[in-house]
Amino acid sequence: KVIMKYISPLFLLIIFILFVLYNVLGFGSAQVSSYVTDLVGGDGKPANLVAILSVSFILLVLIFLALMTAAAGRKWSKELSGEEGAQ
């Protein structure tokens, strides 16, 4: 139980963080990754508008989903507390 609850998620989180560090941010190489230069520009190259809009859209969708999840959680808590008070 402890392995499934704590160790496995921690292991997967470490793998994901290392993947992002090495493959997206270019950690360990002498130059910045092309993903980063597309977003912020660099080496005399301007930022790519499509990359910026894509990341912005993904962030907006994630924010929307987080807000919907929070609203559903509040509604669920209200319904549960209302049912307990009625008994």
Protein backbone atom coordinates (compact mmCIF):
# COMPACT_ATOMS: atom_id res chain seq x y z
CA LYS A 1 0.00 0.00 0.00
CA VAL A 2 2.77 2.44 0.85
CA ILE A 3 4.48 1.80 -2.47
CA MET A 4 1.32 2.51 -4.48
CA LYS A 5 0.42 5.55 -2.41
CA TYR A 6 3.77 7.33 -2.05
CA ILE A 7 6.70 5.73 -3.86
CA SER A 8 5.16 5.14 -7.31
CA PRO A 9 3.78 8.69 -7.70
CA LEU A 10 7.07 10.14 -6.48
CA PHE A 11 9.01 7.99 -8.95
CA LEU A 12 6.75 9.05 -11.85
CA LEU A 13 7.00 12.71 -10.83
CA ILE A 14 10.80 12.53 -10.79
CA ILE A 15 10.81 10.92 -14.25
CA PHE A 16 8.50 13.64 -15.60
CA ILE A 17 10.58 16.46 -14.09
CA LEU A 18 13.79 15.01 -15.53
CA PHE A 19 12.14 14.60 -18.94
CA VAL A 20 11.09 18.25 -18.95
CA LEU A 21 14.51 19.42 -17.77
CA TYR A 22 16.48 17.50 -20.37
CA ASN A 23 14.18 17.46 -23.40
CA VAL A 24 12.25 20.72 -23.13
CA LEU A 25 14.56 23.09 -21.28
CA GLY A 26 17.80 21.63 -22.62
CA PHE A 27 19.39 21.02 -19.22
CA GLY A 28 22.87 19.54 -19.55
CA SER A 29 23.57 20.91 -23.02
CA ALA A 30 25.57 23.99 -23.90
CA GLN A 31 22.67 25.76 -25.58
CA VAL A 32 19.05 26.57 -24.88
CA SER A 33 16.47 24.20 -26.33
CA SER A 34 14.65 25.20 -29.51
CA TYR A 35 11.36 24.99 -27.60
CA VAL A 36 12.49 27.81 -25.32
CA THR A 37 13.87 29.96 -28.15
CA ASP A 38 10.58 29.58 -30.02
CA LEU A 39 8.75 30.99 -27.00
CA VAL A 40 11.07 33.81 -25.96
CA GLY A 41 13.35 34.30 -28.93
CA GLY A 42 17.10 34.34 -28.86
CA ASP A 43 20.24 34.29 -31.00
CA GLY A 44 18.85 37.10 -33.13
CA LYS A 45 15.67 35.11 -33.77
CA PRO A 46 12.31 36.61 -32.76
CA ALA A 47 9.78 34.69 -30.70
CA ASN A 48 7.40 32.46 -32.66
CA LEU A 49 3.83 33.78 -32.42
CA VAL A 50 2.27 30.36 -33.03
CA ALA A 51 4.29 28.83 -30.17
CA ILE A 52 3.30 31.66 -27.82
CA LEU A 53 -0.39 31.38 -28.75
CA SER A 54 -0.32 27.59 -28.38
CA VAL A 55 1.18 27.71 -24.90
CA SER A 56 -1.21 30.52 -23.93
CA PHE A 57 -4.19 28.46 -25.09
CA ILE A 58 -3.01 25.42 -23.14
CA LEU A 59 -2.58 27.54 -20.00
CA LEU A 60 -6.04 29.08 -20.43
CA VAL A 61 -7.62 25.63 -20.77
CA LEU A 62 -5.78 24.41 -17.65
CA ILE A 63 -6.93 27.46 -15.67
CA PHE A 64 -10.51 26.91 -16.86
CA LEU A 65 -10.41 23.24 -15.85
CA ALA A 66 -8.97 24.14 -12.43
CA LEU A 67 -11.74 26.69 -11.87
CA MET A 68 -14.42 24.20 -12.92
CA THR A 69 -12.97 21.54 -10.62
CA ALA A 70 -12.90 23.99 -7.70
CA ALA A 71 -16.51 25.04 -8.38
CA ALA A 72 -17.64 21.41 -8.57
CA GLY A 73 -15.85 20.64 -5.31
CA ARG A 74 -17.56 23.52 -3.55
CA LYS A 75 -20.96 22.46 -4.91
CA TRP A 76 -20.34 18.86 -3.88
CA SER A 77 -19.37 19.94 -0.35
CA LYS A 78 -22.52 22.08 -0.07
CA GLU A 79 -24.71 19.20 -1.22
CA LEU A 80 -23.10 16.80 1.25
CA SER A 81 -23.44 19.21 4.16
CA GLY A 82 -27.05 19.93 3.18
CA GLU A 83 -27.89 16.22 3.19
CA GLU A 84 -26.30 15.73 6.60
CA GLY A 85 -28.28 18.62 8.07
CA ALA A 86 -31.56 17.23 6.72
CA GLN A 87 -31.19 13.92 8.57
